[in-house]
Amino acid sequence: MKFTSDSELYKTIGSNIKYFRERRKLTQPELAELAGISLSYISKLEAENCEKSVSISTLNSIANALDVRLIRFFERRPHM
């Protein structure tokens, strides 16, 4: 997958975190607790205009909490 900018990459990741969280019927606080990260960080990552970088380790924690493969966060979805 090729991204033309960091902004596009962060937006894709954030949108996918939200997509998979909602599919699991989890709230942001529930996901934050399951992933062991702060609610404010989850909120920032999911924000439409997110410019927040995220470590692979944190993404892995979120993926594990959502029971999805890490690579799924980098896929473009029709809703994007």
PDB file of N, CA and C in Angstrom:
ATOM      1  N   MET A   1       0.844  -1.167   0.000  1.00  0.00           N
ATOM      2  CA  MET A   1       0.000   0.000   0.000  1.00  0.00           C
ATOM      3  C   MET A   1       0.892   1.233   0.000  1.00  0.00           C
ATOM      4  N   LYS A   2       0.582   2.160  -0.857  1.00  0.00           N
ATOM      5  CA  LYS A   2       1.364   3.384  -0.955  1.00  0.00           C
ATOM      6  C   LYS A   2       0.532   4.568  -0.473  1.00  0.00           C
ATOM      7  N   PHE A   3       1.129   5.381   0.393  1.00  0.00           N
ATOM      8  CA  PHE A   3       0.483   6.587   0.893  1.00  0.00           C
ATOM      9  C   PHE A   3       1.263   7.793   0.394  1.00  0.00           C
ATOM     10  N   THR A   4       0.560   8.804  -0.062  1.00  0.00           N
ATOM     11  CA  THR A   4       1.222   9.974  -0.634  1.00  0.00           C
ATOM     12  C   THR A   4       1.707  10.960   0.416  1.00  0.00           C
ATOM     13  N   SER A   5       1.231  10.805   1.646  1.00  0.00           N
ATOM     14  CA  SER A   5       1.650  11.704   2.724  1.00  0.00           C
ATOM     15  C   SER A   5       1.455  11.036   4.075  1.00  0.00           C
ATOM     16  N   ASP A   6       2.139  11.564   5.071  1.00  0.00           N
ATOM     17  CA  ASP A   6       1.935  11.074   6.440  1.00  0.00           C
ATOM     18  C   ASP A   6       0.498  11.303   6.866  1.00  0.00           C
ATOM     19  N   SER A   7      -0.066  12.429   6.472  1.00  0.00           N
ATOM     20  CA  SER A   7      -1.439  12.752   6.831  1.00  0.00           C
ATOM     21  C   SER A   7      -2.408  11.687   6.323  1.00  0.00           C
ATOM     22  N   GLU A   8      -2.221  11.252   5.091  1.00  0.00           N
ATOM     23  CA  GLU A   8      -3.067  10.205   4.519  1.00  0.00           C
ATOM     24  C   GLU A   8      -2.892   8.885   5.282  1.00  0.00           C
ATOM     25  N   LEU A   9      -1.671   8.569   5.643  1.00  0.00           N
ATOM     26  CA  LEU A   9      -1.392   7.361   6.417  1.00  0.00           C
ATOM     27  C   LEU A   9      -2.083   7.408   7.772  1.00  0.00           C
ATOM     28  N   TYR A  10      -1.916   8.512   8.511  1.00  0.00           N
ATOM     29  CA  TYR A  10      -2.513   8.630   9.841  1.00  0.00           C
ATOM     30  C   TYR A  10      -4.036   8.597   9.772  1.00  0.00           C
ATOM     31  N   LYS A  11      -4.603   9.233   8.748  1.00  0.00           N
ATOM     32  CA  LYS A  11      -6.058   9.226   8.594  1.00  0.00           C
ATOM     33  C   LYS A  11      -6.564   7.809   8.341  1.00  0.00           C
ATOM     34  N   THR A  12      -5.853   7.050   7.516  1.00  0.00           N
ATOM     35  CA  THR A  12      -6.231   5.673   7.222  1.00  0.00           C
ATOM     36  C   THR A  12      -6.172   4.812   8.477  1.00  0.00           C
ATOM     37  N   ILE A  13      -5.091   4.923   9.222  1.00  0.00           N
ATOM     38  CA  ILE A  13      -4.948   4.146  10.454  1.00  0.00           C
ATOM     39  C   ILE A  13      -6.055   4.499  11.447  1.00  0.00           C
ATOM     40  N   GLY A  14      -6.262   5.783  11.678  1.00  0.00           N
ATOM     41  CA  GLY A  14      -7.283   6.226  12.635  1.00  0.00           C
ATOM     42  C   GLY A  14      -8.675   5.792  12.243  1.00  0.00           C
ATOM     43  N   SER A  15      -8.987   5.913  10.967  1.00  0.00           N
ATOM     44  CA  SER A  15     -10.298   5.516  10.472  1.00  0.00           C
ATOM     45  C   SER A  15     -10.509   4.014  10.651  1.00  0.00           C
ATOM     46  N   ASN A  16      -9.464   3.241  10.424  1.00  0.00           N
ATOM     47  CA  ASN A  16      -9.575   1.797  10.592  1.00  0.00           C
ATOM     48  C   ASN A  16      -9.679   1.386  12.054  1.00  0.00           C
ATOM     49  N   ILE A  17      -8.977   2.068  12.926  1.00  0.00           N
ATOM     50  CA  ILE A  17      -9.130   1.778  14.360  1.00  0.00           C
ATOM     51  C   ILE A  17     -10.592   1.980  14.755  1.00  0.00           C
ATOM     52  N   LYS A  18     -11.158   3.103  14.340  1.00  0.00           N
ATOM     53  CA  LYS A  18     -12.561   3.397  14.662  1.00  0.00           C
ATOM     54  C   LYS A  18     -13.490   2.352  14.036  1.00  0.00           C
ATOM     55  N   TYR A  19     -13.246   2.006  12.782  1.00  0.00           N
ATOM     56  CA  TYR A  19     -14.067   1.019  12.079  1.00  0.00           C
ATOM     57  C   TYR A  19     -14.100  -0.321  12.829  1.00  0.00           C
ATOM     58  N   PHE A  20     -12.929  -0.824  13.174  1.00  0.00           N
ATOM     59  CA  PHE A  20     -12.874  -2.125  13.855  1.00  0.00           C
ATOM     60  C   PHE A  20     -13.386  -2.033  15.292  1.00  0.00           C
ATOM     61  N   ARG A  21     -13.183  -0.905  15.957  1.00  0.00           N
ATOM     62  CA  ARG A  21     -13.722  -0.716  17.307  1.00  0.00           C
ATOM     63  C   ARG A  21     -15.240  -0.761  17.272  1.00  0.00           C
ATOM     64  N   GLU A  22     -15.833  -0.042  16.320  1.00  0.00           N
ATOM     65  CA  GLU A  22     -17.290  -0.016  16.212  1.00  0.00           C
ATOM     66  C   GLU A  22     -17.842  -1.378  15.803  1.00  0.00           C
ATOM     67  N   ARG A  23     -17.127  -2.103  14.947  1.00  0.00           N
ATOM     68  CA  ARG A  23     -17.556  -3.460  14.579  1.00  0.00           C
ATOM     69  C   ARG A  23     -17.596  -4.382  15.782  1.00  0.00           C
ATOM     70  N   ARG A  24     -16.677  -4.173  16.711  1.00  0.00           N
ATOM     71  CA  ARG A  24     -16.644  -4.983  17.940  1.00  0.00           C
ATOM     72  C   ARG A  24     -17.605  -4.445  18.999  1.00  0.00           C
ATOM     73  N   LYS A  25     -18.277  -3.329  18.675  1.00  0.00           N
ATOM     74  CA  LYS A  25     -19.227  -2.686  19.592  1.00  0.00           C
ATOM     75  C   LYS A  25     -18.555  -2.260  20.897  1.00  0.00           C
ATOM     76  N   LEU A  26     -17.351  -1.704  20.748  1.00  0.00           N
ATOM     77  CA  LEU A  26     -16.599  -1.196  21.892  1.00  0.00           C
ATOM     78  C   LEU A  26     -16.626   0.321  21.900  1.00  0.00           C
ATOM     79  N   THR A  27     -16.636   0.885  23.086  1.00  0.00           N
ATOM     80  CA  THR A  27     -16.485   2.331  23.221  1.00  0.00           C
ATOM     81  C   THR A  27     -14.999   2.660  23.224  1.00  0.00           C
ATOM     82  N   GLN A  28     -14.678   3.926  23.057  1.00  0.00           N
ATOM     83  CA  GLN A  28     -13.274   4.328  23.147  1.00  0.00           C
ATOM     84  C   GLN A  28     -12.680   3.989  24.513  1.00  0.00           C
ATOM     85  N   PRO A  29     -13.393   4.248  25.620  1.00  0.00           N
ATOM     86  CA  PRO A  29     -12.822   3.870  26.923  1.00  0.00           C
ATOM     87  C   PRO A  29     -12.573   2.371  27.059  1.00  0.00           C
ATOM     88  N   GLU A  30     -13.466   1.558  26.512  1.00  0.00           N
ATOM     89  CA  GLU A  30     -13.276   0.104  26.578  1.00  0.00           C
ATOM     90  C   GLU A  30     -12.045  -0.322  25.787  1.00  0.00           C
ATOM     91  N   LEU A  31     -11.884   0.246  24.585  1.00  0.00           N
ATOM     92  CA  LEU A  31     -10.712  -0.090  23.783  1.00  0.00           C
ATOM     93  C   LEU A  31      -9.431   0.361  24.467  1.00  0.00           C
ATOM     94  N   ALA A  32      -9.452   1.559  25.023  1.00  0.00           N
ATOM     95  CA  ALA A  32      -8.269   2.075  25.719  1.00  0.00           C
ATOM     96  C   ALA A  32      -7.863   1.130  26.843  1.00  0.00           C
ATOM     97  N   GLU A  33      -8.833   0.662  27.603  1.00  0.00           N
ATOM     98  CA  GLU A  33      -8.537  -0.256  28.707  1.00  0.00           C
ATOM     99  C   GLU A  33      -7.991  -1.589  28.194  1.00  0.00           C
ATOM    100  N   LEU A  34      -8.629  -2.144  27.184  1.00  0.00           N
ATOM    101  CA  LEU A  34      -8.182  -3.428  26.627  1.00  0.00           C
ATOM    102  C   LEU A  34      -6.775  -3.341  26.036  1.00  0.00           C
ATOM    103  N   ALA A  35      -6.469  -2.199  25.413  1.00  0.00           N
ATOM    104  CA  ALA A  35      -5.168  -2.034  24.762  1.00  0.00           C
ATOM    105  C   ALA A  35      -4.100  -1.513  25.716  1.00  0.00           C
ATOM    106  N   GLY A  36      -4.514  -1.053  26.897  1.00  0.00           N
ATOM    107  CA  GLY A  36      -3.555  -0.538  27.868  1.00  0.00           C
ATOM    108  C   GLY A  36      -2.984   0.811  27.483  1.00  0.00           C
ATOM    109  N   ILE A  37      -3.801   1.645  26.830  1.00  0.00           N
ATOM    110  CA  ILE A  37      -3.377   2.996  26.470  1.00  0.00           C
ATOM    111  C   ILE A  37      -4.436   3.985  26.924  1.00  0.00           C
ATOM    112  N   SER A  38      -4.109   5.255  26.885  1.00  0.00           N
ATOM    113  CA  SER A  38      -5.028   6.250  27.424  1.00  0.00           C
ATOM    114  C   SER A  38      -6.195   6.525  26.475  1.00  0.00           C
ATOM    115  N   LEU A  39      -7.310   6.910  27.054  1.00  0.00           N
ATOM    116  CA  LEU A  39      -8.487   7.285  26.285  1.00  0.00           C
ATOM    117  C   LEU A  39      -8.182   8.477  25.385  1.00  0.00           C
ATOM    118  N   SER A  40      -7.439   9.450  25.890  1.00  0.00           N
ATOM    119  CA  SER A  40      -7.142  10.634  25.077  1.00  0.00           C
ATOM    120  C   SER A  40      -6.323  10.257  23.840  1.00  0.00           C
ATOM    121  N   TYR A  41      -5.444   9.259  23.971  1.00  0.00           N
ATOM    122  CA  TYR A  41      -4.640   8.818  22.833  1.00  0.00           C
ATOM    123  C   TYR A  41      -5.519   8.155  21.777  1.00  0.00           C
ATOM    124  N   ILE A  42      -6.435   7.282  22.213  1.00  0.00           N
ATOM    125  CA  ILE A  42      -7.381   6.648  21.285  1.00  0.00           C
ATOM    126  C   ILE A  42      -8.198   7.728  20.576  1.00  0.00           C
ATOM    127  N   SER A  43      -8.690   8.695  21.323  1.00  0.00           N
ATOM    128  CA  SER A  43      -9.484   9.778  20.743  1.00  0.00           C
ATOM    129  C   SER A  43      -8.698  10.532  19.685  1.00  0.00           C
ATOM    130  N   LYS A  44      -7.450  10.834  19.970  1.00  0.00           N
ATOM    131  CA  LYS A  44      -6.609  11.561  19.015  1.00  0.00           C
ATOM    132  C   LYS A  44      -6.355  10.722  17.766  1.00  0.00           C
ATOM    133  N   LEU A  45      -6.106   9.436  17.931  1.00  0.00           N
ATOM    134  CA  LEU A  45      -5.848   8.574  16.777  1.00  0.00           C
ATOM    135  C   LEU A  45      -7.066   8.466  15.868  1.00  0.00           C
ATOM    136  N   GLU A  46      -8.253   8.441  16.466  1.00  0.00           N
ATOM    137  CA  GLU A  46      -9.482   8.296  15.679  1.00  0.00           C
ATOM    138  C   GLU A  46      -9.983   9.606  15.091  1.00  0.00           C
ATOM    139  N   ALA A  47      -9.451  10.727  15.532  1.00  0.00           N
ATOM    140  CA  ALA A  47      -9.915  12.031  15.045  1.00  0.00           C
ATOM    141  C   ALA A  47      -9.684  12.148  13.541  1.00  0.00           C
ATOM    142  N   GLU A  48     -10.653  12.709  12.850  1.00  0.00           N
ATOM    143  CA  GLU A  48     -10.593  12.832  11.388  1.00  0.00           C
ATOM    144  C   GLU A  48      -9.357  13.576  10.904  1.00  0.00           C
ATOM    145  N   ASN A  49      -8.943  14.577  11.624  1.00  0.00           N
ATOM    146  CA  ASN A  49      -7.779  15.384  11.213  1.00  0.00           C
ATOM    147  C   ASN A  49      -6.516  14.994  11.985  1.00  0.00           C
ATOM    148  N   CYS A  50      -6.425  13.739  12.344  1.00  0.00           N
ATOM    149  CA  CYS A  50      -5.301  13.253  13.146  1.00  0.00           C
ATOM    150  C   CYS A  50      -3.965  13.447  12.434  1.00  0.00           C
ATOM    151  N   GLU A  51      -3.038  14.017  13.156  1.00  0.00           N
ATOM    152  CA  GLU A  51      -1.660  14.154  12.678  1.00  0.00           C
ATOM    153  C   GLU A  51      -0.725  13.481  13.684  1.00  0.00           C
ATOM    154  N   LYS A  52      -1.269  12.560  14.452  1.00  0.00           N
ATOM    155  CA  LYS A  52      -0.543  11.905  15.536  1.00  0.00           C
ATOM    156  C   LYS A  52       0.132  10.639  15.029  1.00  0.00           C
ATOM    157  N   SER A  53       1.439  10.574  15.174  1.00  0.00           N
ATOM    158  CA  SER A  53       2.127   9.341  14.808  1.00  0.00           C
ATOM    159  C   SER A  53       1.872   8.300  15.899  1.00  0.00           C
ATOM    160  N   VAL A  54       2.051   7.051  15.534  1.00  0.00           N
ATOM    161  CA  VAL A  54       1.785   5.969  16.477  1.00  0.00           C
ATOM    162  C   VAL A  54       2.850   4.892  16.279  1.00  0.00           C
ATOM    163  N   SER A  55       3.314   4.334  17.372  1.00  0.00           N
ATOM    164  CA  SER A  55       4.344   3.302  17.286  1.00  0.00           C
ATOM    165  C   SER A  55       3.729   1.975  16.852  1.00  0.00           C
ATOM    166  N   ILE A  56       4.554   1.138  16.268  1.00  0.00           N
ATOM    167  CA  ILE A  56       4.113  -0.200  15.875  1.00  0.00           C
ATOM    168  C   ILE A  56       3.681  -0.988  17.106  1.00  0.00           C
ATOM    169  N   SER A  57       4.371  -0.802  18.216  1.00  0.00           N
ATOM    170  CA  SER A  57       4.025  -1.488  19.453  1.00  0.00           C
ATOM    171  C   SER A  57       2.618  -1.114  19.916  1.00  0.00           C
ATOM    172  N   THR A  58       2.289   0.175  19.853  1.00  0.00           N
ATOM    173  CA  THR A  58       0.951   0.624  20.248  1.00  0.00           C
ATOM    174  C   THR A  58      -0.093   0.097  19.275  1.00  0.00           C
ATOM    175  N   LEU A  59       0.205   0.165  17.981  1.00  0.00           N
ATOM    176  CA  LEU A  59      -0.730  -0.381  16.992  1.00  0.00           C
ATOM    177  C   LEU A  59      -0.961  -1.874  17.226  1.00  0.00           C
ATOM    178  N   ASN A  60       0.085  -2.577  17.586  1.00  0.00           N
ATOM    179  CA  ASN A  60      -0.051  -4.002  17.872  1.00  0.00           C
ATOM    180  C   ASN A  60      -0.958  -4.242  19.078  1.00  0.00           C
ATOM    181  N   SER A  61      -0.820  -3.414  20.107  1.00  0.00           N
ATOM    182  CA  SER A  61      -1.689  -3.540  21.293  1.00  0.00           C
ATOM    183  C   SER A  61      -3.150  -3.303  20.918  1.00  0.00           C
ATOM    184  N   ILE A  62      -3.381  -2.308  20.071  1.00  0.00           N
ATOM    185  CA  ILE A  62      -4.748  -2.004  19.627  1.00  0.00           C
ATOM    186  C   ILE A  62      -5.277  -3.156  18.766  1.00  0.00           C
ATOM    187  N   ALA A  63      -4.456  -3.651  17.849  1.00  0.00           N
ATOM    188  CA  ALA A  63      -4.866  -4.774  16.996  1.00  0.00           C
ATOM    189  C   ALA A  63      -5.220  -5.996  17.841  1.00  0.00           C
ATOM    190  N   ASN A  64      -4.404  -6.294  18.839  1.00  0.00           N
ATOM    191  CA  ASN A  64      -4.686  -7.434  19.712  1.00  0.00           C
ATOM    192  C   ASN A  64      -5.985  -7.226  20.479  1.00  0.00           C
ATOM    193  N   ALA A  65      -6.211  -6.014  20.958  1.00  0.00           N
ATOM    194  CA  ALA A  65      -7.440  -5.718  21.701  1.00  0.00           C
ATOM    195  C   ALA A  65      -8.673  -5.859  20.806  1.00  0.00           C
ATOM    196  N   LEU A  66      -8.516  -5.533  19.522  1.00  0.00           N
ATOM    197  CA  LEU A  66      -9.628  -5.622  18.575  1.00  0.00           C
ATOM    198  C   LEU A  66      -9.700  -6.977  17.868  1.00  0.00           C
ATOM    199  N   ASP A  67      -8.712  -7.825  18.124  1.00  0.00           N
ATOM    200  CA  ASP A  67      -8.631  -9.144  17.507  1.00  0.00           C
ATOM    201  C   ASP A  67      -8.607  -9.054  15.979  1.00  0.00           C
ATOM    202  N   VAL A  68      -7.749  -8.153  15.482  1.00  0.00           N
ATOM    203  CA  VAL A  68      -7.535  -8.028  14.034  1.00  0.00           C
ATOM    204  C   VAL A  68      -6.035  -8.084  13.748  1.00  0.00           C
ATOM    205  N   ARG A  69      -5.704  -8.435  12.528  1.00  0.00           N
ATOM    206  CA  ARG A  69      -4.297  -8.427  12.125  1.00  0.00           C
ATOM    207  C   ARG A  69      -3.829  -6.989  11.962  1.00  0.00           C
ATOM    208  N   LEU A  70      -2.636  -6.711  12.364  1.00  0.00           N
ATOM    209  CA  LEU A  70      -2.054  -5.373  12.311  1.00  0.00           C
ATOM    210  C   LEU A  70      -2.149  -4.761  10.914  1.00  0.00           C
ATOM    211  N   ILE A  71      -1.949  -5.547   9.903  1.00  0.00           N
ATOM    212  CA  ILE A  71      -1.962  -5.064   8.519  1.00  0.00           C
ATOM    213  C   ILE A  71      -3.304  -4.444   8.139  1.00  0.00           C
ATOM    214  N   ARG A  72      -4.380  -4.838   8.804  1.00  0.00           N
ATOM    215  CA  ARG A  72      -5.718  -4.324   8.485  1.00  0.00           C
ATOM    216  C   ARG A  72      -5.839  -2.828   8.718  1.00  0.00           C
ATOM    217  N   PHE A  73      -4.999  -2.266   9.577  1.00  0.00           N
ATOM    218  CA  PHE A  73      -5.047  -0.823   9.842  1.00  0.00           C
ATOM    219  C   PHE A  73      -4.536   0.001   8.661  1.00  0.00           C
ATOM    220  N   PHE A  74      -3.849  -0.637   7.720  1.00  0.00           N
ATOM    221  CA  PHE A  74      -3.263   0.085   6.587  1.00  0.00           C
ATOM    222  C   PHE A  74      -4.091  -0.055   5.304  1.00  0.00           C
ATOM    223  N   GLU A  75      -5.211  -0.748   5.378  1.00  0.00           N
ATOM    224  CA  GLU A  75      -6.057  -0.972   4.213  1.00  0.00           C
ATOM    225  C   GLU A  75      -7.017   0.207   4.026  1.00  0.00           C
ATOM    226  N   ARG A  76      -7.182   0.599   2.774  1.00  0.00           N
ATOM    227  CA  ARG A  76      -8.169   1.639   2.469  1.00  0.00           C
ATOM    228  C   ARG A  76      -9.532   0.981   2.385  1.00  0.00           C
ATOM    229  N   ARG A  77     -10.522   1.638   2.946  1.00  0.00           N
ATOM    230  CA  ARG A  77     -11.889   1.118   2.954  1.00  0.00           C
ATOM    231  C   ARG A  77     -12.770   2.038   2.128  1.00  0.00           C
ATOM    232  N   PRO A  78     -13.863   1.521   1.613  1.00  0.00           N
ATOM    233  CA  PRO A  78     -14.780   2.340   0.806  1.00  0.00           C
ATOM    234  C   PRO A  78     -15.298   3.577   1.555  1.00  0.00           C
ATOM    235  N   HIS A  79     -15.412   3.481   2.876  1.00  0.00           N
ATOM    236  CA  HIS A  79     -15.962   4.607   3.663  1.00  0.00           C
ATOM    237  C   HIS A  79     -14.959   5.749   3.820  1.00  0.00           C
ATOM    238  N   MET A  80     -13.764   5.596   3.310  1.00  0.00           N
ATOM    239  CA  MET A  80     -12.721   6.601   3.529  1.00  0.00           C
ATOM    240  C   MET A  80     -12.764   7.670   2.474  1.00  0.00           C
TER     241      MET A  80
END
